[in-house]
């Protein structure tokens, strides 16, 4: 699992005009899964199931 920032740099993710993070192959907006035991949250693509870590 890589970070959202690395995914944006590598071209796996992109932001739309409203600042939402999109999965490039699926063109779907990522959902957020909060884990209270970890720092940050997990961003998931609803179609392909890829996961990215977002630090706060």
N, C-alpha and C. Protein backbone atom coordinates (compact mmCIF):
# COMPACT_ATOMS: atom_id res chain seq x y z
N UNK A 1 0.85 -1.17 0.00
CA UNK A 1 0.00 0.00 0.00
C UNK A 1 0.90 1.23 0.00
N UNK A 2 0.65 2.13 -0.91
CA UNK A 2 1.43 3.35 -0.97
C UNK A 2 0.57 4.54 -0.55
N UNK A 3 1.20 5.67 -0.39
CA UNK A 3 0.48 6.86 0.06
C UNK A 3 -0.25 7.53 -1.10
N UNK A 4 -1.22 8.35 -0.76
CA UNK A 4 -1.98 9.09 -1.76
C UNK A 4 -1.05 10.04 -2.52
N UNK A 5 -0.12 10.67 -1.83
CA UNK A 5 0.80 11.60 -2.49
C UNK A 5 1.66 10.89 -3.53
N UNK A 6 2.15 9.68 -3.19
CA UNK A 6 2.95 8.91 -4.14
C UNK A 6 2.09 8.47 -5.32
N UNK A 7 0.85 8.09 -5.06
CA UNK A 7 -0.07 7.72 -6.14
C UNK A 7 -0.33 8.87 -7.10
N UNK A 8 -0.43 10.08 -6.56
CA UNK A 8 -0.62 11.27 -7.40
C UNK A 8 0.62 11.53 -8.25
N UNK A 9 1.80 11.39 -7.64
CA UNK A 9 3.06 11.61 -8.38
C UNK A 9 3.27 10.57 -9.47
N UNK A 10 2.93 9.31 -9.18
CA UNK A 10 3.14 8.22 -10.14
C UNK A 10 2.09 8.18 -11.24
N UNK A 11 0.99 8.90 -11.08
CA UNK A 11 -0.06 8.91 -12.09
C UNK A 11 -1.14 7.87 -11.87
N UNK A 12 -1.10 7.17 -10.73
CA UNK A 12 -2.15 6.20 -10.42
C UNK A 12 -3.42 6.88 -9.96
N UNK A 13 -3.28 8.08 -9.39
CA UNK A 13 -4.40 8.87 -8.91
C UNK A 13 -4.34 10.25 -9.54
N UNK A 14 -5.49 10.93 -9.57
CA UNK A 14 -5.52 12.32 -10.01
C UNK A 14 -6.63 13.03 -9.26
N UNK A 15 -6.56 14.35 -9.26
CA UNK A 15 -7.60 15.16 -8.62
C UNK A 15 -8.46 15.79 -9.70
N UNK A 16 -9.77 15.85 -9.44
CA UNK A 16 -10.67 16.50 -10.39
C UNK A 16 -10.75 17.99 -10.07
N UNK A 17 -11.61 18.71 -10.75
CA UNK A 17 -11.70 20.15 -10.59
C UNK A 17 -12.21 20.56 -9.21
N UNK A 18 -12.85 19.63 -8.49
CA UNK A 18 -13.36 19.93 -7.16
C UNK A 18 -12.42 19.45 -6.06
N UNK A 19 -11.27 18.89 -6.41
CA UNK A 19 -10.30 18.45 -5.43
C UNK A 19 -10.50 17.03 -4.94
N UNK A 20 -11.44 16.30 -5.53
CA UNK A 20 -11.65 14.90 -5.16
C UNK A 20 -10.57 14.05 -5.81
N UNK A 21 -10.14 13.02 -5.09
CA UNK A 21 -9.09 12.12 -5.60
C UNK A 21 -9.76 10.99 -6.35
N UNK A 22 -9.30 10.75 -7.60
CA UNK A 22 -9.88 9.74 -8.48
C UNK A 22 -8.86 8.65 -8.79
N UNK A 23 -9.33 7.42 -8.92
CA UNK A 23 -8.51 6.31 -9.41
C UNK A 23 -8.46 6.46 -10.93
N UNK A 24 -7.26 6.53 -11.51
CA UNK A 24 -7.12 6.79 -12.94
C UNK A 24 -7.70 5.66 -13.80
N UNK A 25 -7.38 4.38 -13.54
CA UNK A 25 -7.93 3.34 -14.43
C UNK A 25 -9.45 3.24 -14.38
N UNK A 26 -10.06 3.45 -13.22
CA UNK A 26 -11.51 3.29 -13.06
C UNK A 26 -12.27 4.60 -13.24
N UNK A 27 -11.61 5.74 -13.05
CA UNK A 27 -12.25 7.06 -13.07
C UNK A 27 -13.37 7.16 -12.04
N UNK A 28 -13.14 6.56 -10.85
CA UNK A 28 -14.08 6.63 -9.75
C UNK A 28 -13.46 7.37 -8.58
N UNK A 29 -14.28 8.09 -7.84
CA UNK A 29 -13.82 8.80 -6.66
C UNK A 29 -13.54 7.80 -5.53
N UNK A 30 -12.47 8.04 -4.78
CA UNK A 30 -12.09 7.14 -3.70
C UNK A 30 -12.97 7.35 -2.47
N UNK A 31 -13.22 6.27 -1.76
CA UNK A 31 -13.94 6.34 -0.49
C UNK A 31 -12.93 6.33 0.65
N UNK A 32 -13.35 6.76 1.82
CA UNK A 32 -12.46 6.85 2.97
C UNK A 32 -12.88 5.85 4.03
N UNK A 33 -11.88 5.16 4.57
CA UNK A 33 -12.11 4.21 5.66
C UNK A 33 -11.20 4.65 6.80
N UNK A 34 -11.79 5.15 7.90
CA UNK A 34 -11.02 5.59 9.05
C UNK A 34 -10.71 4.42 9.97
N UNK A 35 -9.49 4.38 10.46
CA UNK A 35 -9.09 3.39 11.44
C UNK A 35 -8.61 4.15 12.67
N UNK A 36 -9.35 4.09 13.77
CA UNK A 36 -8.98 4.88 14.95
C UNK A 36 -7.66 4.45 15.59
N UNK A 37 -7.19 3.24 15.30
CA UNK A 37 -5.95 2.77 15.89
C UNK A 37 -4.71 3.24 15.14
N UNK A 38 -4.87 3.72 13.90
CA UNK A 38 -3.75 4.15 13.08
C UNK A 38 -3.81 5.64 12.83
N UNK A 39 -2.66 6.19 12.51
CA UNK A 39 -2.56 7.60 12.14
C UNK A 39 -2.99 7.74 10.69
N UNK A 40 -3.96 8.58 10.42
CA UNK A 40 -4.42 8.79 9.05
C UNK A 40 -5.60 7.89 8.72
N UNK A 41 -5.87 7.75 7.42
CA UNK A 41 -6.99 6.95 6.96
C UNK A 41 -6.59 6.17 5.71
N UNK A 42 -7.44 5.25 5.32
CA UNK A 42 -7.23 4.44 4.14
C UNK A 42 -8.22 4.90 3.08
N UNK A 43 -7.72 5.15 1.86
CA UNK A 43 -8.57 5.54 0.74
C UNK A 43 -8.72 4.34 -0.17
N UNK A 44 -9.94 3.99 -0.54
CA UNK A 44 -10.25 2.80 -1.33
C UNK A 44 -10.94 3.16 -2.63
N UNK A 45 -10.60 2.42 -3.69
CA UNK A 45 -11.33 2.53 -4.95
C UNK A 45 -12.48 1.53 -4.89
N UNK A 46 -13.72 1.97 -5.11
CA UNK A 46 -14.86 1.05 -5.01
C UNK A 46 -14.89 -0.01 -6.11
N UNK A 47 -14.27 0.25 -7.27
CA UNK A 47 -14.31 -0.72 -8.37
C UNK A 47 -13.17 -1.74 -8.31
N UNK A 48 -11.92 -1.27 -8.29
CA UNK A 48 -10.79 -2.21 -8.38
C UNK A 48 -10.26 -2.65 -7.03
N UNK A 49 -10.63 -1.98 -5.93
CA UNK A 49 -10.22 -2.40 -4.61
C UNK A 49 -8.83 -1.95 -4.18
N UNK A 50 -8.15 -1.13 -4.98
CA UNK A 50 -6.83 -0.61 -4.60
C UNK A 50 -6.94 0.25 -3.35
N UNK A 51 -5.89 0.23 -2.54
CA UNK A 51 -5.87 1.00 -1.29
C UNK A 51 -4.67 1.95 -1.28
N UNK A 52 -4.88 3.13 -0.73
CA UNK A 52 -3.82 4.11 -0.53
C UNK A 52 -3.94 4.67 0.87
N UNK A 53 -2.82 4.97 1.48
CA UNK A 53 -2.80 5.52 2.83
C UNK A 53 -2.72 7.05 2.73
N UNK A 54 -3.57 7.72 3.50
CA UNK A 54 -3.57 9.18 3.56
C UNK A 54 -3.22 9.61 4.96
N UNK A 55 -2.09 10.30 5.10
CA UNK A 55 -1.65 10.78 6.40
C UNK A 55 -2.24 12.15 6.65
N UNK A 56 -2.51 12.43 7.92
CA UNK A 56 -3.06 13.75 8.27
C UNK A 56 -2.05 14.55 9.00
